Structure formats: C-alpha cells, structure tokens
C-alpha cells in the first residue's frame, strides 16, 4: 500500500501524542501493541479504520491492558516519521 497513514492531528494533546508514538514503536518492532490509554487507542483506530482487515484493535483484559492493536502477519510497518507510516506487504522468498 502506498498510502501514508498519519495518526495524529495538530490539536492532539502531548500525552496522547506520546501514547500514539509508543503504539507505532511497538507495531514497528513486534506487529502488535498493548495500550493502556483508551483515548489513544480510539484515535489510532479512527485513523486506521479503512485498513480494518490488516490493522485490528481489540479489547484487552480490562484491568491491565485496555486495548490490543495488531497487524496482520502478512504486513509490516514502514516508518515515515514519529506519527506516520506505510503498511507494506511482506514478501516471502521461499524456494
């Protein structure tokens, strides 16, 4: 996918920006993220709503983890900056 996904607005508060950056960091490293800030996970989900089959936001256990965001294993994140990325398809090189 060639579209750049930007996951913040200019009016986003600093605390939410830090949480969203942490989400993108986790997704880039391990293809899933545990989120304790429900506002950040809702905002992230809103920006990624058209990529629902590839980016999933599910409820956590409620006590320790509020949400879990995961990416389909066939995709990965190519980071553009702290709050922007592209969703890319993994290429399997099997012989």
N, C-alpha and C. Protein backbone atom coordinates (compact mmCIF):
# COMPACT_ATOMS: atom_id res chain seq x y z
N UNK A 1 0.84 -1.17 0.00
CA UNK A 1 0.00 0.00 0.00
C UNK A 1 0.88 1.23 0.00
N UNK A 2 0.58 2.16 -0.86
CA UNK A 2 1.42 3.33 -0.98
C UNK A 2 0.91 4.52 -0.18
N UNK A 3 -0.19 4.38 0.47
CA UNK A 3 -0.76 5.49 1.21
C UNK A 3 -0.07 5.65 2.56
N UNK A 4 0.26 6.90 2.90
CA UNK A 4 0.86 7.19 4.19
C UNK A 4 -0.26 7.37 5.21
N UNK A 5 -0.16 6.66 6.32
CA UNK A 5 -1.15 6.75 7.39
C UNK A 5 -0.58 7.69 8.45
N UNK A 6 -1.25 8.81 8.68
CA UNK A 6 -0.83 9.77 9.71
C UNK A 6 -1.77 9.61 10.89
N UNK A 7 -1.23 9.39 12.07
CA UNK A 7 -2.06 9.03 13.22
C UNK A 7 -2.09 10.11 14.31
N UNK A 8 -2.00 11.37 13.90
CA UNK A 8 -2.19 12.46 14.86
C UNK A 8 -2.68 13.68 14.12
N UNK A 9 -3.30 14.57 14.88
CA UNK A 9 -3.71 15.87 14.37
C UNK A 9 -2.87 16.93 15.04
N UNK A 10 -2.95 18.14 14.55
CA UNK A 10 -2.23 19.25 15.17
C UNK A 10 -2.75 19.54 16.57
N UNK A 11 -4.04 19.29 16.79
CA UNK A 11 -4.65 19.60 18.08
C UNK A 11 -4.54 18.45 19.10
N UNK A 12 -3.84 17.39 18.76
CA UNK A 12 -3.71 16.25 19.67
C UNK A 12 -2.88 16.65 20.89
N UNK A 13 -3.39 16.41 22.12
CA UNK A 13 -2.62 16.75 23.32
C UNK A 13 -1.31 15.96 23.41
N UNK A 14 -0.34 16.52 24.11
CA UNK A 14 1.00 15.93 24.19
C UNK A 14 0.99 14.52 24.79
N UNK A 15 0.18 14.29 25.81
CA UNK A 15 0.10 12.97 26.44
C UNK A 15 -0.39 11.91 25.46
N UNK A 16 -1.39 12.26 24.66
CA UNK A 16 -1.93 11.34 23.65
C UNK A 16 -0.90 11.12 22.55
N UNK A 17 -0.17 12.16 22.17
CA UNK A 17 0.88 12.01 21.15
C UNK A 17 1.94 11.00 21.60
N UNK A 18 2.35 11.09 22.86
CA UNK A 18 3.34 10.15 23.37
C UNK A 18 2.82 8.72 23.34
N UNK A 19 1.55 8.53 23.69
CA UNK A 19 0.95 7.19 23.66
C UNK A 19 0.87 6.66 22.23
N UNK A 20 0.49 7.52 21.30
CA UNK A 20 0.40 7.09 19.90
C UNK A 20 1.78 6.75 19.35
N UNK A 21 2.80 7.55 19.71
CA UNK A 21 4.16 7.24 19.27
C UNK A 21 4.61 5.89 19.83
N UNK A 22 4.25 5.62 21.08
CA UNK A 22 4.58 4.33 21.70
C UNK A 22 3.87 3.18 20.98
N UNK A 23 2.62 3.40 20.56
CA UNK A 23 1.89 2.38 19.79
C UNK A 23 2.62 2.08 18.49
N UNK A 24 2.99 3.12 17.76
CA UNK A 24 3.68 2.93 16.47
C UNK A 24 5.03 2.26 16.68
N UNK A 25 5.74 2.62 17.76
CA UNK A 25 7.03 1.97 18.06
C UNK A 25 6.84 0.47 18.27
N UNK A 26 5.84 0.10 19.06
CA UNK A 26 5.59 -1.32 19.33
C UNK A 26 5.18 -2.05 18.05
N UNK A 27 4.31 -1.44 17.24
CA UNK A 27 3.88 -2.08 16.00
C UNK A 27 5.04 -2.27 15.03
N UNK A 28 5.93 -1.32 14.99
CA UNK A 28 7.08 -1.43 14.11
C UNK A 28 8.00 -2.58 14.54
N UNK A 29 8.18 -2.76 15.84
CA UNK A 29 9.10 -3.78 16.34
C UNK A 29 8.49 -5.17 16.38
N UNK A 30 7.21 -5.29 16.78
CA UNK A 30 6.67 -6.63 17.03
C UNK A 30 5.31 -6.91 16.42
N UNK A 31 4.78 -6.01 15.58
CA UNK A 31 3.49 -6.18 14.90
C UNK A 31 2.29 -6.23 15.82
N UNK A 32 2.45 -5.92 17.09
CA UNK A 32 1.31 -5.76 18.00
C UNK A 32 1.69 -4.75 19.07
N UNK A 33 0.67 -4.18 19.70
CA UNK A 33 0.91 -3.18 20.75
C UNK A 33 -0.11 -3.33 21.84
N UNK A 34 0.34 -3.23 23.07
CA UNK A 34 -0.55 -3.20 24.24
C UNK A 34 -0.74 -1.74 24.62
N UNK A 35 -1.99 -1.33 24.79
CA UNK A 35 -2.29 0.07 25.03
C UNK A 35 -3.09 0.22 26.31
N UNK A 36 -2.63 1.09 27.20
CA UNK A 36 -3.36 1.38 28.44
C UNK A 36 -4.16 2.67 28.35
N UNK A 37 -3.93 3.47 27.34
CA UNK A 37 -4.62 4.73 27.16
C UNK A 37 -5.77 4.54 26.16
N UNK A 38 -7.02 4.47 26.63
CA UNK A 38 -8.14 4.21 25.73
C UNK A 38 -8.37 5.33 24.71
N UNK A 39 -8.06 6.56 25.06
CA UNK A 39 -8.24 7.68 24.12
C UNK A 39 -7.26 7.53 22.96
N UNK A 40 -6.02 7.17 23.25
CA UNK A 40 -5.01 6.99 22.20
C UNK A 40 -5.37 5.82 21.28
N UNK A 41 -5.86 4.73 21.85
CA UNK A 41 -6.22 3.59 21.00
C UNK A 41 -7.43 3.90 20.13
N UNK A 42 -8.40 4.66 20.64
CA UNK A 42 -9.55 5.05 19.81
C UNK A 42 -9.13 5.98 18.69
N UNK A 43 -8.27 6.94 19.00
CA UNK A 43 -7.79 7.86 17.98
C UNK A 43 -6.97 7.12 16.92
N UNK A 44 -6.10 6.22 17.35
CA UNK A 44 -5.31 5.42 16.41
C UNK A 44 -6.24 4.59 15.52
N UNK A 45 -7.25 3.97 16.11
CA UNK A 45 -8.20 3.16 15.34
C UNK A 45 -8.97 4.00 14.34
N UNK A 46 -9.29 5.22 14.70
CA UNK A 46 -10.02 6.10 13.78
C UNK A 46 -9.19 6.41 12.54
N UNK A 47 -7.90 6.67 12.72
CA UNK A 47 -7.04 6.96 11.58
C UNK A 47 -6.79 5.72 10.72
N UNK A 48 -6.88 4.53 11.29
CA UNK A 48 -6.60 3.29 10.57
C UNK A 48 -7.87 2.54 10.19
N UNK A 49 -9.02 3.18 10.24
CA UNK A 49 -10.30 2.48 10.05
C UNK A 49 -10.45 1.84 8.67
N UNK A 50 -9.88 2.41 7.65
CA UNK A 50 -10.03 1.81 6.32
C UNK A 50 -9.11 0.60 6.10
N UNK A 51 -8.21 0.33 7.03
CA UNK A 51 -7.31 -0.82 6.94
C UNK A 51 -7.71 -1.91 7.92
N UNK A 52 -9.01 -2.05 8.18
CA UNK A 52 -9.52 -2.97 9.21
C UNK A 52 -9.04 -4.42 9.04
N UNK A 53 -9.02 -4.99 7.85
CA UNK A 53 -8.55 -6.38 7.77
C UNK A 53 -7.08 -6.54 8.15
N UNK A 54 -6.29 -5.46 8.00
CA UNK A 54 -4.87 -5.56 8.28
C UNK A 54 -4.51 -5.06 9.68
N UNK A 55 -5.18 -4.02 10.17
CA UNK A 55 -4.91 -3.47 11.50
C UNK A 55 -6.13 -3.67 12.37
N UNK A 56 -6.00 -4.46 13.42
CA UNK A 56 -7.13 -4.79 14.29
C UNK A 56 -6.93 -4.19 15.67
N UNK A 57 -8.00 -3.60 16.21
CA UNK A 57 -7.99 -3.09 17.57
C UNK A 57 -9.01 -3.90 18.36
N UNK A 58 -8.55 -4.61 19.38
CA UNK A 58 -9.43 -5.46 20.17
C UNK A 58 -9.33 -5.07 21.64
N UNK A 59 -10.37 -5.34 22.41
CA UNK A 59 -10.29 -5.02 23.84
C UNK A 59 -9.29 -5.92 24.55
N UNK A 60 -8.64 -5.38 25.56
CA UNK A 60 -7.71 -6.16 26.38
C UNK A 60 -8.44 -6.82 27.53
N UNK A 61 -7.73 -7.10 28.61
CA UNK A 61 -8.35 -7.77 29.75
C UNK A 61 -9.13 -6.81 30.65
N UNK A 62 -9.02 -5.49 30.40
CA UNK A 62 -9.79 -4.52 31.15
C UNK A 62 -9.08 -3.97 32.37
N UNK A 63 -8.32 -4.80 33.08
CA UNK A 63 -7.61 -4.34 34.28
C UNK A 63 -6.26 -3.73 33.94
N UNK A 64 -5.43 -4.49 33.26
CA UNK A 64 -4.07 -4.06 33.00
C UNK A 64 -3.89 -3.51 31.59
N UNK A 65 -4.55 -4.10 30.62
CA UNK A 65 -4.43 -3.69 29.22
C UNK A 65 -5.81 -3.31 28.72
N UNK A 66 -5.95 -2.08 28.24
CA UNK A 66 -7.25 -1.60 27.76
C UNK A 66 -7.52 -2.06 26.33
N UNK A 67 -6.50 -2.06 25.48
CA UNK A 67 -6.67 -2.44 24.08
C UNK A 67 -5.42 -3.15 23.58
N UNK A 68 -5.63 -3.97 22.57
CA UNK A 68 -4.52 -4.62 21.87
C UNK A 68 -4.67 -4.27 20.40
N UNK A 69 -3.63 -3.73 19.81
CA UNK A 69 -3.63 -3.39 18.39
C UNK A 69 -2.66 -4.34 17.71
N UNK A 70 -3.13 -5.00 16.66
CA UNK A 70 -2.26 -5.94 15.96
C UNK A 70 -2.37 -5.73 14.46
N UNK A 71 -1.32 -6.15 13.79
CA UNK A 71 -1.26 -6.07 12.33
C UNK A 71 -1.26 -7.49 11.80
N UNK A 72 -1.96 -7.70 10.72
CA UNK A 72 -1.97 -9.00 10.04
C UNK A 72 -0.53 -9.44 9.81
N UNK A 73 -0.19 -10.72 10.07
CA UNK A 73 1.20 -11.18 9.93
C UNK A 73 1.77 -11.05 8.51
N UNK A 74 0.92 -10.86 7.52
CA UNK A 74 1.40 -10.69 6.15
C UNK A 74 1.83 -9.25 5.85
N UNK A 75 1.69 -8.36 6.83
CA UNK A 75 2.02 -6.95 6.65
C UNK A 75 3.04 -6.50 7.69
N UNK A 76 3.69 -5.40 7.41
CA UNK A 76 4.58 -4.76 8.38
C UNK A 76 4.50 -3.25 8.18
N UNK A 77 5.04 -2.51 9.15
CA UNK A 77 5.02 -1.05 9.11
C UNK A 77 6.35 -0.53 8.59
N UNK A 78 6.29 0.37 7.63
CA UNK A 78 7.47 1.11 7.19
C UNK A 78 7.31 2.52 7.74
N UNK A 79 8.16 2.90 8.66
CA UNK A 79 8.05 4.17 9.39
C UNK A 79 8.44 5.33 8.50
N UNK A 80 7.61 6.37 8.50
CA UNK A 80 7.91 7.61 7.77
C UNK A 80 8.45 8.65 8.75
N UNK A 81 7.72 8.88 9.85
CA UNK A 81 8.21 9.70 10.96
C UNK A 81 7.55 9.20 12.24
N UNK A 82 7.62 9.97 13.33
CA UNK A 82 7.10 9.50 14.62
C UNK A 82 5.63 9.13 14.57
N UNK A 83 4.84 9.83 13.75
CA UNK A 83 3.39 9.63 13.75
C UNK A 83 2.86 9.26 12.37
N UNK A 84 3.70 8.79 11.48
CA UNK A 84 3.26 8.41 10.14
C UNK A 84 3.99 7.15 9.69
N UNK A 85 3.28 6.32 8.95
CA UNK A 85 3.87 5.07 8.45
C UNK A 85 3.11 4.59 7.23
N UNK A 86 3.70 3.64 6.54
CA UNK A 86 3.05 2.94 5.43
C UNK A 86 2.88 1.49 5.84
N UNK A 87 1.81 0.89 5.41
CA UNK A 87 1.56 -0.52 5.65
C UNK A 87 2.05 -1.27 4.42
N UNK A 88 3.01 -2.16 4.59
CA UNK A 88 3.62 -2.88 3.48
C UNK A 88 3.35 -4.37 3.58
N UNK A 89 3.33 -5.03 2.44
CA UNK A 89 3.13 -6.48 2.39
C UNK A 89 4.49 -7.15 2.51
N UNK A 90 4.58 -8.17 3.37
CA UNK A 90 5.83 -8.93 3.50
C UNK A 90 5.98 -9.81 2.27
N UNK A 91 7.21 -9.93 1.81
CA UNK A 91 7.50 -10.76 0.66
C UNK A 91 8.15 -12.04 1.17
N UNK A 92 7.53 -13.16 0.89
CA UNK A 92 8.09 -14.46 1.30
C UNK A 92 8.97 -14.97 0.17
N UNK A 93 10.21 -15.22 0.48
CA UNK A 93 11.17 -15.69 -0.52
C UNK A 93 11.45 -17.17 -0.30
N UNK A 94 10.48 -18.02 -0.61
CA UNK A 94 10.66 -19.46 -0.46
C UNK A 94 11.08 -20.05 -1.79
N UNK A 95 11.95 -21.06 -1.71
CA UNK A 95 12.40 -21.74 -2.94
C UNK A 95 11.93 -23.16 -2.93
